[in-house]
Amino acid sequence: MVKPCCPAAAARMVKKISIGSLTVGIALLDDIIEEVCLMRLDDKKKIGEALLKQVKIYNYVPDSAEGEYTEALLMEYEKFCKTREAK
C-alpha cells in the first residue's frame, strides 16, 4: 500500500494569490512560473497564455475568470522574475 503524501508537503505546493476580490490557492504555481520563465517568452500576451495553460492542468479555472487569472498570474510571474534577477 502506498502512503499518501503528507499534508504539510502538499500544502507547500499550493500558493495563495489574489484573483479579483478573492484569494485562491493555486497548486504548483512556483513550478509553473519557473517553467514558463525558462521558455524565455518576450511577449506579455504569450506569457499570460502559457501561464494560464499550465495552471489549468492542475487547477480549475472558470472560463468567466480567465482574464482575472491571467492578470494575477502575470503579476506573480513578474515578482518571480524580479527576485530571480536580483540573485
Protein backbone atom coordinates (compact mmCIF):
# COMPACT_ATOMS: atom_id res chain seq x y z
CA MET A 1 0.00 0.00 0.00
CA VAL A 2 1.32 3.42 -0.98
CA LYS A 3 1.20 6.04 1.74
CA PRO A 4 -0.39 9.33 0.69
CA CYS A 5 1.78 12.40 0.61
CA CYS A 6 1.94 14.18 3.93
CA PRO A 7 -0.45 17.14 4.22
CA ALA A 8 2.35 19.58 5.06
CA ALA A 9 4.21 18.78 1.83
CA ALA A 10 1.03 19.09 -0.20
CA ALA A 11 0.20 22.42 1.42
CA ARG A 12 3.62 23.82 0.44
CA MET A 13 2.78 23.10 -3.18
CA VAL A 14 -0.22 25.47 -3.07
CA LYS A 15 0.34 29.21 -3.21
CA LYS A 16 -2.41 31.67 -2.36
CA ILE A 17 -2.84 34.65 -4.66
CA SER A 18 -5.47 37.35 -5.12
CA ILE A 19 -7.69 36.96 -8.14
CA GLY A 20 -10.10 39.83 -8.35
CA SER A 21 -11.60 40.14 -4.87
CA LEU A 22 -10.90 36.51 -3.94
CA THR A 23 -7.90 34.69 -2.51
CA VAL A 24 -7.34 31.46 -4.40
CA GLY A 25 -4.91 28.60 -3.83
CA ILE A 26 -3.01 27.59 -6.97
CA ALA A 27 -1.32 24.19 -6.97
CA LEU A 28 2.28 24.09 -8.24
CA LEU A 29 2.35 27.81 -9.06
CA ASP A 30 6.05 28.29 -8.30
CA ASP A 31 6.96 25.34 -10.53
CA ILE A 32 4.69 26.61 -13.30
CA ILE A 33 6.15 30.11 -13.18
CA GLU A 34 9.70 28.76 -13.27
CA GLU A 35 8.84 26.55 -16.25
CA VAL A 36 7.32 29.46 -18.19
CA CYS A 37 10.27 31.66 -17.26
CA LEU A 38 12.61 29.10 -18.83
CA MET A 39 10.64 29.42 -22.08
CA ARG A 40 12.11 32.94 -22.39
CA LEU A 41 8.97 34.37 -23.97
CA ASP A 42 9.18 38.10 -24.63
CA ASP A 43 5.53 38.91 -25.34
CA LYS A 44 3.31 39.58 -22.31
CA LYS A 45 0.29 38.06 -24.02
CA LYS A 46 2.17 34.84 -24.82
CA ILE A 47 3.50 34.66 -21.26
CA GLY A 48 -0.03 35.06 -19.88
CA GLU A 49 -1.36 32.37 -22.22
CA ALA A 50 1.44 29.96 -21.24
CA LEU A 51 0.88 30.57 -17.53
CA LEU A 52 -2.87 30.05 -17.79
CA LYS A 53 -2.47 26.91 -19.90
CA GLN A 54 -0.13 25.35 -17.33
CA VAL A 55 -2.23 26.43 -14.34
CA LYS A 56 -5.32 24.85 -15.89
CA ILE A 57 -3.56 21.47 -15.98
CA TYR A 58 -3.52 21.29 -12.17
CA ASN A 59 -6.26 23.73 -11.15
CA TYR A 60 -9.86 24.53 -12.03
CA VAL A 61 -10.18 27.93 -13.72
CA PRO A 62 -13.71 29.10 -14.54
CA ASP A 63 -13.99 30.29 -18.14
CA SER A 64 -15.53 33.55 -16.92
CA ALA A 65 -12.48 34.29 -14.75
CA GLU A 66 -9.67 33.51 -17.21
CA GLY A 67 -8.86 37.18 -17.72
CA GLU A 68 -8.58 37.83 -13.98
CA TYR A 69 -6.47 34.69 -13.51
CA THR A 70 -4.15 35.75 -16.34
CA GLU A 71 -3.64 39.21 -14.82
CA ALA A 72 -2.90 37.75 -11.38
CA LEU A 73 -0.56 35.13 -12.82
CA LEU A 74 1.36 37.78 -14.75
CA MET A 75 1.82 39.77 -11.54
CA GLU A 76 3.21 36.67 -9.79
CA TYR A 77 5.42 35.97 -12.80
CA GLU A 78 6.87 39.47 -12.72
CA LYS A 79 7.57 39.19 -8.98
CA PHE A 80 9.31 35.86 -9.54
CA CYS A 81 11.44 37.23 -12.39
CA LYS A 82 12.50 40.30 -10.37
CA THR A 83 13.51 38.09 -7.46
CA ARG A 84 15.41 35.80 -9.79
CA GLU A 85 17.23 38.71 -11.49
CA ALA A 86 18.27 40.11 -8.10
CA LYS A 87 20.19 36.90 -7.30
